[in-house]
Amino acid sequence: MNDIITDYEKLAGKNENISKIPLIYVPIIDVDIIEQGVFYRYFFKKVNESAIYETDENSYLKQNNKLYEFTKLIWFITGEMEEVYNKNRKATEYQEPSFRGLIKTIDGNYTQFYIKT
């Protein structure tokens, strides 16, 4: 039976990436990230939909799936709160033209993950 499936997959041109949905992920801020004061956030959306989800670096790096678009966003978490807010807002606004809907997804929460140091 396995041989029949393998033969079918060869003939049909099975694409393993088509059915793989990127992992939905919430960043975990650890001591290393706090010390750096900055990290990358990764986002994806289906090419024919507007909903945006956050994912992890591994899913972002393996983004060979044509059903989804991906982007990464630099995100500051330490420093003066107003400065962190402005840097993250500017980074998000910069990405918006190439990844429509990111501003709406962030929803003004530019100090998310902020840590007072």
N, C-alpha and C. Protein backbone atom coordinates (compact mmCIF):
# COMPACT_ATOMS: atom_id res chain seq x y z
N MET A 1 0.82 -1.19 0.00
CA MET A 1 0.00 0.00 0.00
C MET A 1 0.87 1.26 0.00
N ASN A 2 1.96 1.25 0.77
CA ASN A 2 2.86 2.39 0.83
C ASN A 2 3.45 2.71 -0.54
N ASP A 3 3.76 1.67 -1.33
CA ASP A 3 4.31 1.88 -2.67
C ASP A 3 3.32 2.60 -3.57
N ILE A 4 2.04 2.28 -3.43
CA ILE A 4 1.00 2.93 -4.23
C ILE A 4 0.94 4.42 -3.89
N ILE A 5 1.00 4.73 -2.60
CA ILE A 5 0.95 6.14 -2.17
C ILE A 5 2.18 6.88 -2.66
N THR A 6 3.34 6.26 -2.52
CA THR A 6 4.58 6.89 -2.98
C THR A 6 4.54 7.14 -4.48
N ASP A 7 4.07 6.16 -5.25
CA ASP A 7 3.95 6.34 -6.69
C ASP A 7 2.98 7.46 -7.03
N TYR A 8 1.86 7.51 -6.34
CA TYR A 8 0.87 8.56 -6.60
C TYR A 8 1.48 9.93 -6.30
N GLU A 9 2.19 10.05 -5.17
CA GLU A 9 2.80 11.33 -4.81
C GLU A 9 3.82 11.77 -5.85
N LYS A 10 4.57 10.84 -6.40
CA LYS A 10 5.54 11.17 -7.45
C LYS A 10 4.83 11.66 -8.70
N LEU A 11 3.76 10.96 -9.09
CA LEU A 11 3.01 11.34 -10.29
C LEU A 11 2.24 12.64 -10.11
N ALA A 12 1.66 12.82 -8.94
CA ALA A 12 0.83 13.99 -8.68
C ALA A 12 1.67 15.22 -8.33
N GLY A 13 2.95 15.00 -8.08
CA GLY A 13 3.81 16.13 -7.73
C GLY A 13 3.46 16.69 -6.37
N LYS A 14 3.39 15.84 -5.40
CA LYS A 14 3.03 16.24 -4.04
C LYS A 14 3.90 17.40 -3.58
N ASN A 15 3.26 18.43 -3.08
CA ASN A 15 3.96 19.59 -2.54
C ASN A 15 3.71 19.63 -1.05
N GLU A 16 4.69 19.24 -0.27
CA GLU A 16 4.54 19.17 1.17
C GLU A 16 4.26 20.52 1.80
N ASN A 17 4.67 21.61 1.17
CA ASN A 17 4.50 22.93 1.76
C ASN A 17 3.08 23.48 1.65
N ILE A 18 2.31 22.97 0.72
CA ILE A 18 0.98 23.51 0.49
C ILE A 18 0.11 23.40 1.74
N SER A 19 0.16 22.28 2.42
CA SER A 19 -0.73 22.07 3.55
C SER A 19 -0.17 22.56 4.88
N LYS A 20 1.06 23.01 4.92
CA LYS A 20 1.65 23.43 6.18
C LYS A 20 1.28 24.87 6.50
N ILE A 21 0.64 25.03 7.63
CA ILE A 21 0.26 26.35 8.11
C ILE A 21 1.35 26.81 9.06
N PRO A 22 1.84 28.04 8.92
CA PRO A 22 2.86 28.51 9.87
C PRO A 22 2.33 28.50 11.30
N LEU A 23 3.22 28.28 12.22
CA LEU A 23 2.91 28.24 13.64
C LEU A 23 2.47 29.63 14.10
N ILE A 24 1.37 29.71 14.85
CA ILE A 24 0.97 30.97 15.49
C ILE A 24 1.67 31.00 16.84
N TYR A 25 2.31 32.13 17.13
CA TYR A 25 3.26 32.19 18.24
C TYR A 25 3.18 33.53 18.94
N VAL A 26 3.34 33.51 20.25
CA VAL A 26 3.49 34.73 21.04
C VAL A 26 4.92 34.74 21.56
N PRO A 27 5.68 35.81 21.30
CA PRO A 27 7.08 35.83 21.74
C PRO A 27 7.22 35.67 23.25
N ILE A 28 8.26 34.97 23.63
CA ILE A 28 8.62 34.81 25.03
C ILE A 28 9.88 35.63 25.26
N ILE A 29 9.79 36.59 26.16
CA ILE A 29 10.91 37.48 26.42
C ILE A 29 11.78 36.87 27.52
N ASP A 30 12.99 36.48 27.15
CA ASP A 30 13.90 35.89 28.13
C ASP A 30 14.99 36.88 28.50
N VAL A 31 15.87 36.47 29.38
CA VAL A 31 16.93 37.35 29.90
C VAL A 31 17.82 37.86 28.77
N ASP A 32 18.17 37.01 27.80
CA ASP A 32 19.02 37.44 26.68
C ASP A 32 18.37 38.56 25.89
N ILE A 33 17.09 38.44 25.63
CA ILE A 33 16.38 39.48 24.87
C ILE A 33 16.32 40.77 25.68
N ILE A 34 16.08 40.65 26.98
CA ILE A 34 16.04 41.84 27.84
C ILE A 34 17.39 42.56 27.82
N GLU A 35 18.47 41.79 27.89
CA GLU A 35 19.81 42.39 27.86
C GLU A 35 20.07 43.11 26.54
N GLN A 36 19.59 42.52 25.43
CA GLN A 36 19.76 43.15 24.11
C GLN A 36 18.85 44.36 23.97
N GLY A 37 17.68 44.30 24.58
CA GLY A 37 16.74 45.41 24.51
C GLY A 37 15.94 45.47 23.22
N VAL A 38 16.13 44.50 22.36
CA VAL A 38 15.48 44.49 21.05
C VAL A 38 15.41 43.06 20.54
N PHE A 39 14.38 42.79 19.75
CA PHE A 39 14.27 41.48 19.11
C PHE A 39 13.43 41.63 17.85
N TYR A 40 13.40 40.59 17.05
CA TYR A 40 12.56 40.60 15.85
C TYR A 40 11.25 39.89 16.13
N ARG A 41 10.18 40.47 15.62
CA ARG A 41 8.87 39.83 15.63
C ARG A 41 8.58 39.42 14.19
N TYR A 42 7.93 38.28 14.02
CA TYR A 42 7.68 37.72 12.70
C TYR A 42 6.17 37.57 12.51
N PHE A 43 5.71 37.96 11.34
CA PHE A 43 4.28 37.93 11.05
C PHE A 43 4.02 37.25 9.71
N PHE A 44 2.81 36.71 9.56
CA PHE A 44 2.40 36.11 8.29
C PHE A 44 0.92 36.34 8.06
N LYS A 45 0.54 36.26 6.79
CA LYS A 45 -0.87 36.28 6.41
C LYS A 45 -1.03 35.47 5.14
N LYS A 46 -2.20 34.94 4.97
CA LYS A 46 -2.51 34.21 3.75
C LYS A 46 -2.60 35.24 2.62
N VAL A 47 -2.10 34.91 1.45
CA VAL A 47 -2.01 35.90 0.37
C VAL A 47 -3.37 36.47 -0.03
N ASN A 48 -4.43 35.71 0.14
CA ASN A 48 -5.75 36.19 -0.28
C ASN A 48 -6.63 36.61 0.90
N GLU A 49 -6.02 36.84 2.06
CA GLU A 49 -6.76 37.27 3.24
C GLU A 49 -6.03 38.43 3.92
N SER A 50 -6.74 39.15 4.77
CA SER A 50 -6.13 40.30 5.44
C SER A 50 -5.69 40.02 6.87
N ALA A 51 -6.16 38.93 7.48
CA ALA A 51 -5.80 38.63 8.86
C ALA A 51 -4.31 38.34 8.98
N ILE A 52 -3.68 38.96 9.97
CA ILE A 52 -2.24 38.79 10.20
C ILE A 52 -2.05 38.09 11.54
N TYR A 53 -1.09 37.16 11.55
CA TYR A 53 -0.78 36.40 12.75
C TYR A 53 0.71 36.49 13.03
N GLU A 54 1.06 36.37 14.28
CA GLU A 54 2.47 36.36 14.65
C GLU A 54 2.97 34.91 14.63
N THR A 55 4.21 34.75 14.20
CA THR A 55 4.82 33.43 14.13
C THR A 55 6.21 33.47 14.75
N ASP A 56 6.90 32.37 14.72
CA ASP A 56 8.24 32.31 15.29
C ASP A 56 9.30 32.42 14.20
N GLU A 57 10.54 32.58 14.63
CA GLU A 57 11.64 32.74 13.68
C GLU A 57 11.80 31.52 12.78
N ASN A 58 11.62 30.33 13.31
CA ASN A 58 11.79 29.11 12.53
C ASN A 58 10.80 29.07 11.36
N SER A 59 9.54 29.39 11.62
CA SER A 59 8.53 29.42 10.54
C SER A 59 8.88 30.48 9.51
N TYR A 60 9.37 31.62 9.99
CA TYR A 60 9.77 32.71 9.09
C TYR A 60 10.92 32.27 8.18
N LEU A 61 11.90 31.61 8.76
CA LEU A 61 13.07 31.19 7.98
C LEU A 61 12.74 30.10 6.96
N LYS A 62 11.68 29.33 7.22
CA LYS A 62 11.28 28.25 6.31
C LYS A 62 10.12 28.68 5.41
N GLN A 63 10.03 29.95 5.11
CA GLN A 63 8.90 30.51 4.39
C GLN A 63 8.90 30.22 2.89
N ASN A 64 8.88 28.97 2.52
CA ASN A 64 8.84 28.62 1.10
C ASN A 64 7.42 28.22 0.68
N ASN A 65 6.45 28.70 1.39
CA ASN A 65 5.06 28.38 1.12
C ASN A 65 4.43 29.54 0.35
N LYS A 66 3.96 29.29 -0.84
CA LYS A 66 3.43 30.35 -1.69
C LYS A 66 2.03 30.81 -1.28
N LEU A 67 1.42 30.15 -0.31
CA LEU A 67 0.09 30.55 0.16
C LEU A 67 0.16 31.67 1.19
N TYR A 68 1.35 31.96 1.70
CA TYR A 68 1.49 32.94 2.77
C TYR A 68 2.56 33.97 2.44
N GLU A 69 2.36 35.18 2.97
CA GLU A 69 3.36 36.23 2.92
C GLU A 69 3.91 36.41 4.32
N PHE A 70 5.18 36.75 4.42
CA PHE A 70 5.82 36.91 5.72
C PHE A 70 6.54 38.25 5.80
N THR A 71 6.71 38.74 7.01
CA THR A 71 7.55 39.92 7.24
C THR A 71 8.14 39.82 8.64
N LYS A 72 9.22 40.56 8.85
CA LYS A 72 9.78 40.65 10.19
C LYS A 72 9.84 42.11 10.58
N LEU A 73 9.77 42.34 11.88
CA LEU A 73 9.68 43.69 12.42
C LEU A 73 10.61 43.81 13.62
N ILE A 74 11.51 44.77 13.58
CA ILE A 74 12.38 44.99 14.73
C ILE A 74 11.53 45.59 15.84
N TRP A 75 11.75 45.13 17.07
CA TRP A 75 10.90 45.54 18.18
C TRP A 75 11.76 45.85 19.41
N PHE A 76 11.66 47.09 19.88
CA PHE A 76 12.43 47.55 21.03
C PHE A 76 11.63 47.33 22.31
N ILE A 77 12.33 46.93 23.38
CA ILE A 77 11.61 46.65 24.63
C ILE A 77 12.20 47.37 25.84
N THR A 78 13.37 47.99 25.70
CA THR A 78 13.97 48.68 26.85
C THR A 78 14.34 50.10 26.45
N GLY A 79 14.51 50.95 27.45
CA GLY A 79 14.82 52.35 27.25
C GLY A 79 13.69 53.20 27.82
N GLU A 80 13.70 54.46 27.46
CA GLU A 80 12.60 55.34 27.89
C GLU A 80 11.33 54.91 27.17
N MET A 81 10.23 54.83 27.90
CA MET A 81 8.99 54.31 27.32
C MET A 81 8.56 55.08 26.07
N GLU A 82 8.65 56.39 26.11
CA GLU A 82 8.24 57.20 24.95
C GLU A 82 9.13 56.91 23.74
N GLU A 83 10.41 56.74 23.99
CA GLU A 83 11.35 56.42 22.91
C GLU A 83 11.06 55.04 22.32
N VAL A 84 10.79 54.05 23.17
CA VAL A 84 10.44 52.70 22.72
C VAL A 84 9.16 52.76 21.89
N TYR A 85 8.17 53.48 22.38
CA TYR A 85 6.90 53.64 21.67
C TYR A 85 7.15 54.21 20.27
N ASN A 86 7.91 55.29 20.19
CA ASN A 86 8.16 55.95 18.90
C ASN A 86 8.96 55.08 17.94
N LYS A 87 9.97 54.39 18.43
CA LYS A 87 10.77 53.50 17.57
C LYS A 87 9.91 52.37 17.00
N ASN A 88 9.09 51.75 17.85
CA ASN A 88 8.26 50.64 17.39
C ASN A 88 7.16 51.12 16.44
N ARG A 89 6.62 52.31 16.70
CA ARG A 89 5.61 52.88 15.80
C ARG A 89 6.22 53.14 14.43
N LYS A 90 7.40 53.75 14.42
CA LYS A 90 8.08 54.05 13.15
C LYS A 90 8.44 52.78 12.39
N ALA A 91 8.92 51.76 13.10
CA ALA A 91 9.27 50.49 12.45
C ALA A 91 8.02 49.86 11.83
N THR A 92 6.91 49.92 12.55
CA THR A 92 5.65 49.36 12.04
C THR A 92 5.16 50.14 10.83
N GLU A 93 5.20 51.47 10.91
CA GLU A 93 4.77 52.30 9.79
C GLU A 93 5.65 52.07 8.56
N TYR A 94 6.92 51.83 8.77
CA TYR A 94 7.85 51.55 7.67
C TYR A 94 7.47 50.26 6.95
N GLN A 95 7.07 49.24 7.70
CA GLN A 95 6.71 47.94 7.11
C GLN A 95 5.32 47.95 6.46
N GLU A 96 4.45 48.85 6.88
CA GLU A 96 3.05 48.84 6.44
C GLU A 96 2.88 48.82 4.91
N PRO A 97 3.59 49.63 4.13
CA PRO A 97 3.34 49.61 2.68
C PRO A 97 3.59 48.24 2.03
N SER A 98 4.54 47.49 2.54
CA SER A 98 4.84 46.18 1.95
C SER A 98 4.10 45.03 2.64
N PHE A 99 3.43 45.35 3.76
CA PHE A 99 2.70 44.32 4.49
C PHE A 99 1.45 44.96 5.10
N ARG A 100 0.51 45.24 4.22
CA ARG A 100 -0.72 45.96 4.61
C ARG A 100 -1.45 45.27 5.75
N GLY A 101 -1.85 46.07 6.73
CA GLY A 101 -2.61 45.57 7.86
C GLY A 101 -1.80 45.42 9.13
N LEU A 102 -0.48 45.62 9.04
CA LEU A 102 0.37 45.45 10.21
C LEU A 102 0.05 46.48 11.29
N ILE A 103 -0.19 47.72 10.90
CA ILE A 103 -0.54 48.75 11.88
C ILE A 103 -1.82 48.37 12.62
N LYS A 104 -2.79 47.88 11.90
CA LYS A 104 -4.05 47.46 12.52
C LYS A 104 -3.81 46.28 13.47
N THR A 105 -2.93 45.36 13.09
CA THR A 105 -2.63 44.21 13.93
C THR A 105 -1.95 44.64 15.24
N ILE A 106 -1.00 45.56 15.15
CA ILE A 106 -0.31 46.06 16.35
C ILE A 106 -1.28 46.87 17.20
N ASP A 107 -2.22 47.52 16.57
CA ASP A 107 -3.32 48.23 17.23
C ASP A 107 -2.85 49.24 18.28
N GLY A 108 -1.80 49.98 17.95
CA GLY A 108 -1.33 51.03 18.83
C GLY A 108 -0.55 50.54 20.05
N ASN A 109 -0.36 49.26 20.18
CA ASN A 109 0.33 48.70 21.34
C ASN A 109 1.84 48.65 21.09
N TYR A 110 2.43 49.83 20.92
CA TYR A 110 3.84 49.91 20.57
C TYR A 110 4.78 49.71 21.76
N THR A 111 4.22 49.56 22.94
CA THR A 111 5.04 49.26 24.11
C THR A 111 4.79 47.83 24.60
N GLN A 112 4.18 47.02 23.74
CA GLN A 112 4.00 45.62 24.11
C GLN A 112 5.37 45.01 24.38
N PHE A 113 5.48 44.27 25.43
CA PHE A 113 6.72 43.64 25.89
C PHE A 113 7.72 44.61 26.52
N TYR A 114 7.31 45.89 26.68
CA TYR A 114 8.20 46.87 27.28
C TYR A 114 8.63 46.46 28.69
N ILE A 115 9.91 46.64 28.97
CA ILE A 115 10.44 46.33 30.29
C ILE A 115 11.21 47.55 30.79
N LYS A 116 10.79 48.08 31.90
CA LYS A 116 11.47 49.23 32.48
C LYS A 116 12.82 48.78 33.03
N THR A 117 13.87 49.45 32.61
CA THR A 117 15.21 49.07 33.08
C THR A 117 15.85 50.19 33.86
